[in-house]
PDB file of all heavy atoms in Angstrom:
ATOM      1  N   GLU A   1     241.053  59.530  55.871  1.00  0.00           N
ATOM      2  CA  GLU A   1     240.025  58.478  56.138  1.00  0.00           C
ATOM      3  C   GLU A   1     240.708  57.141  55.762  1.00  0.00           C
ATOM      4  O   GLU A   1     240.417  56.106  56.518  1.00  0.00           O
ATOM      5  CB  GLU A   1     238.793  58.723  55.293  1.00  0.00           C
ATOM      6  CG  GLU A   1     237.695  57.764  55.671  1.00  0.00           C
ATOM      7  CD  GLU A   1     236.413  57.875  54.881  1.00  0.00           C
ATOM      8  OE1 GLU A   1     236.488  58.508  53.783  1.00  0.00           O
ATOM      9  OE2 GLU A   1     235.403  57.380  55.361  1.00  0.00           O
ATOM     10  N   PHE A   2     241.413  57.034  54.706  1.00  0.00           N
ATOM     11  CA  PHE A   2     242.097  55.798  54.332  1.00  0.00           C
ATOM     12  C   PHE A   2     242.924  55.270  55.490  1.00  0.00           C
ATOM     13  O   PHE A   2     242.757  54.120  55.922  1.00  0.00           O
ATOM     14  CB  PHE A   2     242.967  56.009  53.066  1.00  0.00           C
ATOM     15  CG  PHE A   2     243.671  54.836  52.594  1.00  0.00           C
ATOM     16  CD1 PHE A   2     243.176  53.937  51.661  1.00  0.00           C
ATOM     17  CD2 PHE A   2     244.990  54.521  53.096  1.00  0.00           C
ATOM     18  CE1 PHE A   2     243.913  52.876  51.240  1.00  0.00           C
ATOM     19  CE2 PHE A   2     245.651  53.416  52.640  1.00  0.00           C
ATOM     20  CZ  PHE A   2     245.125  52.572  51.683  1.00  0.00           C
ATOM     21  N   TYR A   3     243.807  56.106  55.964  1.00  0.00           N
ATOM     22  CA  TYR A   3     244.740  55.698  57.052  1.00  0.00           C
ATOM     23  C   TYR A   3     244.033  55.474  58.422  1.00  0.00           C
ATOM     24  O   TYR A   3     244.429  54.632  59.217  1.00  0.00           O
ATOM     25  CB  TYR A   3     245.877  56.622  57.164  1.00  0.00           C
ATOM     26  CG  TYR A   3     246.877  56.415  56.076  1.00  0.00           C
ATOM     27  CD1 TYR A   3     246.957  57.286  54.996  1.00  0.00           C
ATOM     28  CD2 TYR A   3     247.734  55.298  56.086  1.00  0.00           C
ATOM     29  CE1 TYR A   3     247.907  57.071  53.996  1.00  0.00           C
ATOM     30  CE2 TYR A   3     248.616  55.044  55.070  1.00  0.00           C
ATOM     31  CZ  TYR A   3     248.727  55.914  54.031  1.00  0.00           C
ATOM     32  OH  TYR A   3     249.646  55.699  53.022  1.00  0.00           O
ATOM     33  N   GLU A   4     242.913  56.242  58.632  1.00  0.00           N
ATOM     34  CA  GLU A   4     242.141  56.028  59.834  1.00  0.00           C
ATOM     35  C   GLU A   4     241.549  54.586  59.844  1.00  0.00           C
ATOM     36  O   GLU A   4     241.555  53.891  60.841  1.00  0.00           O
ATOM     37  CB  GLU A   4     241.024  57.048  59.899  1.00  0.00           C
ATOM     38  CG  GLU A   4     240.008  56.874  60.990  1.00  0.00           C
ATOM     39  CD  GLU A   4     240.523  57.177  62.440  1.00  0.00           C
ATOM     40  OE1 GLU A   4     241.579  57.820  62.464  1.00  0.00           O
ATOM     41  OE2 GLU A   4     239.961  56.647  63.412  1.00  0.00           O
ATOM     42  N   ILE A   5     241.010  54.159  58.729  1.00  0.00           N
ATOM     43  CA  ILE A   5     240.437  52.830  58.591  1.00  0.00           C
ATOM     44  C   ILE A   5     241.454  51.713  58.714  1.00  0.00           C
ATOM     45  O   ILE A   5     241.255  50.752  59.457  1.00  0.00           O
ATOM     46  CB  ILE A   5     239.613  52.723  57.313  1.00  0.00           C
ATOM     47  CG1 ILE A   5     238.350  53.646  57.375  1.00  0.00           C
ATOM     48  CG2 ILE A   5     239.173  51.266  57.034  1.00  0.00           C
ATOM     49  CD1 ILE A   5     237.618  53.808  56.103  1.00  0.00           C
ATOM     50  N   ILE A   6     242.602  51.822  58.033  1.00  0.00           N
ATOM     51  CA  ILE A   6     243.540  50.725  58.059  1.00  0.00           C
ATOM     52  C   ILE A   6     244.295  50.688  59.373  1.00  0.00           C
ATOM     53  O   ILE A   6     244.965  49.708  59.620  1.00  0.00           O
ATOM     54  CB  ILE A   6     244.504  50.777  56.869  1.00  0.00           C
ATOM     55  CG1 ILE A   6     245.515  51.905  56.948  1.00  0.00           C
ATOM     56  CG2 ILE A   6     243.722  50.802  55.590  1.00  0.00           C
ATOM     57  CD1 ILE A   6     246.636  51.786  55.921  1.00  0.00           C
ATOM     58  N   SER A   7     244.225  51.731  60.208  1.00  0.00           N
ATOM     59  CA  SER A   7     244.961  51.730  61.427  1.00  0.00           C
ATOM     60  C   SER A   7     244.447  50.659  62.412  1.00  0.00           C
ATOM     61  O   SER A   7     245.229  50.268  63.318  1.00  0.00           O
ATOM     62  CB  SER A   7     244.884  53.060  62.127  1.00  0.00           C
ATOM     63  OG  SER A   7     243.541  53.351  62.593  1.00  0.00           O
ATOM     64  N   ALA A   8     243.327  50.107  62.162  1.00  0.00           N
ATOM     65  CA  ALA A   8     242.772  49.029  62.986  1.00  0.00           C
ATOM     66  C   ALA A   8     243.370  47.637  62.682  1.00  0.00           C
ATOM     67  O   ALA A   8     243.181  46.681  63.379  1.00  0.00           O
ATOM     68  CB  ALA A   8     241.209  48.971  62.851  1.00  0.00           C
ATOM     69  N   TYR A   9     244.116  47.626  61.607  1.00  0.00           N
ATOM     70  CA  TYR A   9     244.689  46.347  61.055  1.00  0.00           C
ATOM     71  C   TYR A   9     246.232  46.482  60.996  1.00  0.00           C
ATOM     72  O   TYR A   9     246.740  47.048  59.990  1.00  0.00           O
ATOM     73  CB  TYR A   9     244.069  45.955  59.730  1.00  0.00           C
ATOM     74  CG  TYR A   9     242.548  45.876  59.838  1.00  0.00           C
ATOM     75  CD1 TYR A   9     241.757  47.006  59.523  1.00  0.00           C
ATOM     76  CD2 TYR A   9     241.912  44.803  60.353  1.00  0.00           C
ATOM     77  CE1 TYR A   9     240.394  46.926  59.628  1.00  0.00           C
ATOM     78  CE2 TYR A   9     240.546  44.704  60.516  1.00  0.00           C
ATOM     79  CZ  TYR A   9     239.738  45.832  60.117  1.00  0.00           C
ATOM     80  OH  TYR A   9     238.415  45.772  60.305  1.00  0.00           O
ATOM     81  N   PRO A  10     246.988  45.974  61.989  1.00  0.00           N
ATOM     82  CA  PRO A  10     248.377  46.314  62.111  1.00  0.00           C
ATOM     83  C   PRO A  10     249.270  46.009  60.887  1.00  0.00           C
ATOM     84  O   PRO A  10     250.076  46.792  60.530  1.00  0.00           O
ATOM     85  CB  PRO A  10     248.811  45.409  63.308  1.00  0.00           C
ATOM     86  CG  PRO A  10     247.563  45.206  64.086  1.00  0.00           C
ATOM     87  CD  PRO A  10     246.445  45.137  63.117  1.00  0.00           C
ATOM     88  N   ASP A  11     249.040  44.854  60.236  1.00  0.00           N
ATOM     89  CA  ASP A  11     249.845  44.480  59.129  1.00  0.00           C
ATOM     90  C   ASP A  11     249.418  45.122  57.843  1.00  0.00           C
ATOM     91  O   ASP A  11     250.276  45.270  56.934  1.00  0.00           O
ATOM     92  CB  ASP A  11     249.969  42.986  59.038  1.00  0.00           C
ATOM     93  CG  ASP A  11     250.876  42.390  60.052  1.00  0.00           C
ATOM     94  OD1 ASP A  11     251.902  43.029  60.427  1.00  0.00           O
ATOM     95  OD2 ASP A  11     250.571  41.339  60.614  1.00  0.00           O
ATOM     96  N   ILE A  12     248.208  45.550  57.693  1.00  0.00           N
ATOM     97  CA  ILE A  12     247.836  46.404  56.530  1.00  0.00           C
ATOM     98  C   ILE A  12     248.465  47.759  56.681  1.00  0.00           C
ATOM     99  O   ILE A  12     249.091  48.275  55.728  1.00  0.00           O
ATOM    100  CB  ILE A  12     246.347  46.572  56.401  1.00  0.00           C
ATOM    101  CG1 ILE A  12     245.629  45.228  56.219  1.00  0.00           C
ATOM    102  CG2 ILE A  12     246.031  47.502  55.281  1.00  0.00           C
ATOM    103  CD1 ILE A  12     244.109  45.348  56.116  1.00  0.00           C
ATOM    104  N   GLU A  13     248.442  48.318  57.853  1.00  0.00           N
ATOM    105  CA  GLU A  13     249.011  49.621  58.166  1.00  0.00           C
ATOM    106  C   GLU A  13     250.573  49.578  57.904  1.00  0.00           C
ATOM    107  O   GLU A  13     251.213  50.435  57.308  1.00  0.00           O
ATOM    108  CB  GLU A  13     248.762  50.036  59.554  1.00  0.00           C
ATOM    109  CG  GLU A  13     249.252  51.460  59.878  1.00  0.00           C
ATOM    110  CD  GLU A  13     248.896  51.912  61.278  1.00  0.00           C
ATOM    111  OE1 GLU A  13     248.971  51.081  62.193  1.00  0.00           O
ATOM    112  OE2 GLU A  13     248.486  53.049  61.427  1.00  0.00           O
ATOM    113  N   ARG A  14     251.200  48.449  58.407  1.00  0.00           N
ATOM    114  CA  ARG A  14     252.625  48.301  58.196  1.00  0.00           C
ATOM    115  C   ARG A  14     252.956  48.195  56.734  1.00  0.00           C
ATOM    116  O   ARG A  14     253.989  48.680  56.289  1.00  0.00           O
ATOM    117  CB  ARG A  14     253.055  47.005  58.940  1.00  0.00           C
ATOM    118  CG  ARG A  14     254.558  46.877  59.066  1.00  0.00           C
ATOM    119  CD  ARG A  14     254.962  45.942  60.232  1.00  0.00           C
ATOM    120  NE  ARG A  14     254.482  44.589  59.999  1.00  0.00           N
ATOM    121  CZ  ARG A  14     255.239  43.538  59.567  1.00  0.00           C
ATOM    122  NH1 ARG A  14     256.479  43.787  59.331  1.00  0.00           N
ATOM    123  NH2 ARG A  14     254.730  42.374  59.481  1.00  0.00           N
ATOM    124  N   HIS A  15     252.101  47.531  55.976  1.00  0.00           N
ATOM    125  CA  HIS A  15     252.418  47.380  54.502  1.00  0.00           C
ATOM    126  C   HIS A  15     252.249  48.766  53.774  1.00  0.00           C
ATOM    127  O   HIS A  15     253.021  48.964  52.837  1.00  0.00           O
ATOM    128  CB  HIS A  15     251.410  46.380  53.930  1.00  0.00           C
ATOM    129  CG  HIS A  15     251.717  45.988  52.495  1.00  0.00           C
ATOM    130  ND1 HIS A  15     250.736  45.396  51.663  1.00  0.00           N
ATOM    131  CD2 HIS A  15     252.822  46.057  51.773  1.00  0.00           C
ATOM    132  CE1 HIS A  15     251.277  45.214  50.486  1.00  0.00           C
ATOM    133  NE2 HIS A  15     252.563  45.537  50.538  1.00  0.00           N
ATOM    134  N   LEU A  16     251.328  49.558  54.175  1.00  0.00           N
ATOM    135  CA  LEU A  16     250.974  50.746  53.364  1.00  0.00           C
ATOM    136  C   LEU A  16     251.356  52.072  54.013  1.00  0.00           C
ATOM    137  O   LEU A  16     251.177  53.109  53.334  1.00  0.00           O
ATOM    138  CB  LEU A  16     249.501  50.727  53.043  1.00  0.00           C
ATOM    139  CG  LEU A  16     248.993  49.476  52.316  1.00  0.00           C
ATOM    140  CD1 LEU A  16     247.525  49.527  52.154  1.00  0.00           C
ATOM    141  CD2 LEU A  16     249.712  49.336  50.977  1.00  0.00           C
ATOM    142  N   LYS A  17     251.856  52.121  55.222  1.00  0.00           N
ATOM    143  CA  LYS A  17     252.020  53.421  55.888  1.00  0.00           C
ATOM    144  C   LYS A  17     253.134  54.225  55.210  1.00  0.00           C
ATOM    145  O   LYS A  17     253.125  55.437  55.299  1.00  0.00           O
ATOM    146  CB  LYS A  17     252.297  53.149  57.383  1.00  0.00           C
ATOM    147  CG  LYS A  17     253.643  52.514  57.652  1.00  0.00           C
ATOM    148  CD  LYS A  17     253.800  52.317  59.215  1.00  0.00           C
ATOM    149  CE  LYS A  17     255.169  51.731  59.529  1.00  0.00           C
ATOM    150  NZ  LYS A  17     255.320  51.568  61.008  1.00  0.00           N
ATOM    151  N   SER A  18     254.148  53.570  54.650  1.00  0.00           N
ATOM    152  CA  SER A  18     255.314  54.322  54.140  1.00  0.00           C
ATOM    153  C   SER A  18     255.188  54.696  52.666  1.00  0.00           C
ATOM    154  O   SER A  18     256.079  55.327  52.093  1.00  0.00           O
ATOM    155  CB  SER A  18     256.539  53.466  54.343  1.00  0.00           C
ATOM    156  OG  SER A  18     256.496  52.274  53.634  1.00  0.00           O
ATOM    157  N   VAL A  19     254.078  54.305  51.960  1.00  0.00           N
ATOM    158  CA  VAL A  19     253.988  54.620  50.575  1.00  0.00           C
ATOM    159  C   VAL A  19     253.673  56.124  50.400  1.00  0.00           C
ATOM    160  O   VAL A  19     253.115  56.732  51.264  1.00  0.00           O
ATOM    161  CB  VAL A  19     252.886  53.798  49.880  1.00  0.00           C
ATOM    162  CG1 VAL A  19     253.214  52.340  49.966  1.00  0.00           C
ATOM    163  CG2 VAL A  19     251.481  54.064  50.451  1.00  0.00           C
ATOM    164  N   GLU A  20     254.076  56.698  49.265  1.00  0.00           N
ATOM    165  CA  GLU A  20     253.879  58.057  48.975  1.00  0.00           C
ATOM    166  C   GLU A  20     253.013  58.193  47.785  1.00  0.00           C
ATOM    167  O   GLU A  20     253.233  57.673  46.696  1.00  0.00           O
ATOM    168  CB  GLU A  20     255.251  58.758  48.697  1.00  0.00           C
ATOM    169  CG  GLU A  20     256.149  58.880  49.916  1.00  0.00           C
ATOM    170  CD  GLU A  20     255.608  59.794  50.909  1.00  0.00           C
ATOM    171  OE1 GLU A  20     254.828  60.760  50.562  1.00  0.00           O
ATOM    172  OE2 GLU A  20     255.908  59.631  52.114  1.00  0.00           O
ATOM    173  N   PRO A  21     251.837  58.900  47.863  1.00  0.00           N
ATOM    174  CA  PRO A  21     250.984  59.082  46.688  1.00  0.00           C
ATOM    175  C   PRO A  21     251.621  59.920  45.646  1.00  0.00           C
ATOM    176  O   PRO A  21     252.354  60.880  45.942  1.00  0.00           O
ATOM    177  CB  PRO A  21     249.775  59.791  47.305  1.00  0.00           C
ATOM    178  CG  PRO A  21     250.271  60.503  48.495  1.00  0.00           C
ATOM    179  CD  PRO A  21     251.326  59.591  49.094  1.00  0.00           C
ATOM    180  N   VAL A  22     251.456  59.540  44.370  1.00  0.00           N
ATOM    181  CA  VAL A  22     252.004  60.340  43.243  1.00  0.00           C
ATOM    182  C   VAL A  22     250.885  61.017  42.412  1.00  0.00           C
ATOM    183  O   VAL A  22     251.142  61.577  41.373  1.00  0.00           O
ATOM    184  CB  VAL A  22     252.857  59.409  42.350  1.00  0.00           C
ATOM    185  CG1 VAL A  22     254.096  58.934  43.092  1.00  0.00           C
ATOM    186  CG2 VAL A  22     251.999  58.239  41.808  1.00  0.00           C
ATOM    187  N   MET A  23     249.729  60.958  42.931  1.00  0.00           N
ATOM    188  CA  MET A  23     248.546  61.664  42.369  1.00  0.00           C
ATOM    189  C   MET A  23     247.551  61.946  43.520  1.00  0.00           C
ATOM    190  O   MET A  23     247.636  61.365  44.582  1.00  0.00           O
ATOM    191  CB  MET A  23     247.914  60.868  41.290  1.00  0.00           C
ATOM    192  CG  MET A  23     247.430  59.473  41.714  1.00  0.00           C
ATOM    193  SD  MET A  23     246.512  58.542  40.456  1.00  0.00           S
ATOM    194  CE  MET A  23     244.836  59.312  40.722  1.00  0.00           C
ATOM    195  N   PRO A  24     246.642  62.889  43.373  1.00  0.00           N
ATOM    196  CA  PRO A  24     245.685  63.124  44.387  1.00  0.00           C
ATOM    197  C   PRO A  24     244.796  61.848  44.716  1.00  0.00           C
ATOM    198  O   PRO A  24     244.444  61.113  43.813  1.00  0.00           O
ATOM    199  CB  PRO A  24     244.811  64.282  43.849  1.00  0.00           C
ATOM    200  CG  PRO A  24     245.669  64.920  42.783  1.00  0.00           C
ATOM    201  CD  PRO A  24     246.514  63.806  42.194  1.00  0.00           C
ATOM    202  N   TRP A  25     244.514  61.714  46.004  1.00  0.00           N
ATOM    203  CA  TRP A  25     243.618  60.672  46.404  1.00  0.00           C
ATOM    204  C   TRP A  25     242.223  60.918  45.808  1.00  0.00           C
ATOM    205  O   TRP A  25     241.745  62.025  45.749  1.00  0.00           O
ATOM    206  CB  TRP A  25     243.545  60.587  47.912  1.00  0.00           C
ATOM    207  CG  TRP A  25     244.750  59.993  48.562  1.00  0.00           C
ATOM    208  CD1 TRP A  25     245.859  60.678  48.900  1.00  0.00           C
ATOM    209  CD2 TRP A  25     244.932  58.657  48.991  1.00  0.00           C
ATOM    210  NE1 TRP A  25     246.804  59.801  49.463  1.00  0.00           N
ATOM    211  CE2 TRP A  25     246.217  58.551  49.582  1.00  0.00           C
ATOM    212  CE3 TRP A  25     244.112  57.498  49.009  1.00  0.00           C
ATOM    213  CZ2 TRP A  25     246.739  57.411  50.113  1.00  0.00           C
ATOM    214  CZ3 TRP A  25     244.614  56.361  49.546  1.00  0.00           C
ATOM    215  CH2 TRP A  25     245.920  56.277  50.094  1.00  0.00           C
ATOM    216  N   ILE A  26     241.601  59.856  45.408  1.00  0.00           N
ATOM    217  CA  ILE A  26     240.189  59.940  44.847  1.00  0.00           C
ATOM    218  C   ILE A  26     239.260  59.269  45.806  1.00  0.00           C
ATOM    219  O   ILE A  26     239.509  58.057  46.200  1.00  0.00           O
ATOM    220  CB  ILE A  26     240.144  59.297  43.444  1.00  0.00           C
ATOM    221  CG1 ILE A  26     241.005  60.087  42.459  1.00  0.00           C
ATOM    222  CG2 ILE A  26     238.643  59.299  42.930  1.00  0.00           C
ATOM    223  CD1 ILE A  26     241.163  59.428  41.136  1.00  0.00           C
ATOM    224  N   ARG A  27     238.185  59.909  46.144  1.00  0.00           N
ATOM    225  CA  ARG A  27     237.148  59.244  47.085  1.00  0.00           C
ATOM    226  C   ARG A  27     235.833  59.366  46.313  1.00  0.00           C
ATOM    227  O   ARG A  27     235.397  60.419  45.948  1.00  0.00           O
ATOM    228  CB  ARG A  27     237.131  59.965  48.394  1.00  0.00           C
ATOM    229  CG  ARG A  27     236.077  59.429  49.303  1.00  0.00           C
ATOM    230  CD  ARG A  27     236.280  59.859  50.774  1.00  0.00           C
ATOM    231  NE  ARG A  27     236.451  61.305  50.944  1.00  0.00           N
ATOM    232  CZ  ARG A  27     236.622  61.930  52.072  1.00  0.00           C
ATOM    233  NH1 ARG A  27     236.701  61.211  53.200  1.00  0.00           N
ATOM    234  NH2 ARG A  27     236.733  63.241  52.185  1.00  0.00           N
ATOM    235  N   THR A  28     235.173  58.228  46.204  1.00  0.00           N
ATOM    236  CA  THR A  28     233.985  58.160  45.440  1.00  0.00           C
ATOM    237  C   THR A  28     232.731  58.157  46.395  1.00  0.00           C
ATOM    238  O   THR A  28     232.807  57.938  47.556  1.00  0.00           O
ATOM    239  CB  THR A  28     233.849  56.896  44.604  1.00  0.00           C
ATOM    240  OG1 THR A  28     233.625  55.768  45.458  1.00  0.00           O
ATOM    241  CG2 THR A  28     235.152  56.686  43.850  1.00  0.00           C
ATOM    242  N   GLY A  29     231.537  58.415  45.742  1.00  0.00           N
ATOM    243  CA  GLY A  29     230.282  58.034  46.369  1.00  0.00           C
ATOM    244  C   GLY A  29     230.035  56.607  46.014  1.00  0.00           C
ATOM    245  O   GLY A  29     230.932  55.802  45.853  1.00  0.00           O
ATOM    246  N   ARG A  30     228.750  56.269  45.961  1.00  0.00           N
ATOM    247  CA  ARG A  30     228.336  54.838  45.665  1.00  0.00           C
ATOM    248  C   ARG A  30     228.920  54.436  44.268  1.00  0.00           C
ATOM    249  O   ARG A  30     228.708  55.213  43.314  1.00  0.00           O
ATOM    250  CB  ARG A  30     226.850  54.692  45.751  1.00  0.00           C
ATOM    251  CG  ARG A  30     226.511  53.196  45.646  1.00  0.00           C
ATOM    252  CD  ARG A  30     225.013  52.926  45.697  1.00  0.00           C
ATOM    253  NE  ARG A  30     224.747  51.488  45.575  1.00  0.00           N
ATOM    254  CZ  ARG A  30     223.576  50.948  45.436  1.00  0.00           C
ATOM    255  NH1 ARG A  30     222.519  51.678  45.414  1.00  0.00           N
ATOM    256  NH2 ARG A  30     223.442  49.618  45.375  1.00  0.00           N
ATOM    257  N   LEU A  31     229.566  53.330  44.202  1.00  0.00           N
ATOM    258  CA  LEU A  31     230.190  52.892  42.989  1.00  0.00           C
ATOM    259  C   LEU A  31     229.159  52.358  42.003  1.00  0.00           C
ATOM    260  O   LEU A  31     229.364  52.409  40.751  1.00  0.00           O
ATOM    261  CB  LEU A  31     231.166  51.816  43.227  1.00  0.00           C
ATOM    262  CG  LEU A  31     232.502  52.232  43.971  1.00  0.00           C
ATOM    263  CD1 LEU A  31     233.248  50.952  44.378  1.00  0.00           C
ATOM    264  CD2 LEU A  31     233.311  53.128  43.081  1.00  0.00           C
ATOM    265  N   GLN A  32     228.040  51.797  42.527  1.00  0.00           N
ATOM    266  CA  GLN A  32     227.191  50.996  41.629  1.00  0.00           C
ATOM    267  C   GLN A  32     226.270  51.870  40.772  1.00  0.00           C
ATOM    268  O   GLN A  32     225.850  52.989  41.160  1.00  0.00           O
ATOM    269  CB  GLN A  32     226.260  50.102  42.491  1.00  0.00           C
ATOM    270  CG  GLN A  32     226.958  49.038  43.206  1.00  0.00           C
ATOM    271  CD  GLN A  32     227.920  49.440  44.302  1.00  0.00           C
ATOM    272  OE1 GLN A  32     227.542  50.348  45.132  1.00  0.00           O
ATOM    273  NE2 GLN A  32     229.109  48.888  44.341  1.00  0.00           N
ATOM    274  N   ARG A  33     226.038  51.457  39.546  1.00  0.00           N
ATOM    275  CA  ARG A  33     225.107  52.046  38.579  1.00  0.00           C
ATOM    276  C   ARG A  33     224.497  50.961  37.798  1.00  0.00           C
ATOM    277  O   ARG A  33     225.166  49.907  37.534  1.00  0.00           O
ATOM    278  CB  ARG A  33     225.758  53.135  37.787  1.00  0.00           C
ATOM    279  CG  ARG A  33     226.867  52.666  36.858  1.00  0.00           C
ATOM    280  CD  ARG A  33     227.328  53.790  35.971  1.00  0.00           C
ATOM    281  NE  ARG A  33     228.368  53.404  35.119  1.00  0.00           N
ATOM    282  CZ  ARG A  33     229.707  53.340  35.405  1.00  0.00           C
ATOM    283  NH1 ARG A  33     230.166  53.743  36.577  1.00  0.00           N
ATOM    284  NH2 ARG A  33     230.628  52.904  34.547  1.00  0.00           N
ATOM    285  N   SER A  34     223.323  51.196  37.229  1.00  0.00           N
ATOM    286  CA  SER A  34     222.681  50.238  36.410  1.00  0.00           C
ATOM    287  C   SER A  34     221.760  50.934  35.471  1.00  0.00           C
ATOM    288  O   SER A  34     221.476  52.170  35.616  1.00  0.00           O
ATOM    289  CB  SER A  34     221.886  49.160  37.202  1.00  0.00           C
ATOM    290  OG  SER A  34     220.817  49.749  37.933  1.00  0.00           O
ATOM    291  N   ALA A  35     221.202  50.259  34.498  1.00  0.00           N
ATOM    292  CA  ALA A  35     220.324  50.831  33.499  1.00  0.00           C
ATOM    293  C   ALA A  35     219.246  49.732  33.141  1.00  0.00           C
ATOM    294  O   ALA A  35     219.454  48.595  33.326  1.00  0.00           O
ATOM    295  CB  ALA A  35     221.062  51.293  32.232  1.00  0.00           C
ATOM    296  N   SER A  36     218.164  50.259  32.639  1.00  0.00           N
ATOM    297  CA  SER A  36     217.028  49.290  32.273  1.00  0.00           C
ATOM    298  C   SER A  36     217.322  48.693  30.920  1.00  0.00           C
ATOM    299  O   SER A  36     216.769  47.576  30.619  1.00  0.00           O
ATOM    300  CB  SER A  36     215.736  50.026  32.239  1.00  0.00           C
ATOM    301  OG  SER A  36     215.801  51.160  31.332  1.00  0.00           O
ATOM    302  N   LYS A  37     218.061  49.366  30.050  1.00  0.00           N
ATOM    303  CA  LYS A  37     218.354  48.840  28.697  1.00  0.00           C
ATOM    304  C   LYS A  37     219.777  49.275  28.308  1.00  0.00           C
ATOM    305  O   LYS A  37     220.293  50.256  28.813  1.00  0.00           O
ATOM    306  CB  LYS A  37     217.351  49.360  27.727  1.00  0.00           C
ATOM    307  CG  LYS A  37     215.952  48.883  27.839  1.00  0.00           C
ATOM    308  CD  LYS A  37     215.107  49.420  26.620  1.00  0.00           C
ATOM    309  CE  LYS A  37     215.548  48.803  25.363  1.00  0.00           C
ATOM    310  NZ  LYS A  37     214.727  49.362  24.198  1.00  0.00           N
TER     311      LYS A  37
END
């Protein structure tokens, strides 16, 4: 999904296409959280 999204932007893809992950990719749900107190 990461590479699918950045493929629309040529120079982002050029910058990041050759990197190699050294840990598993992490994909989150919604990042936001809050509390009343």
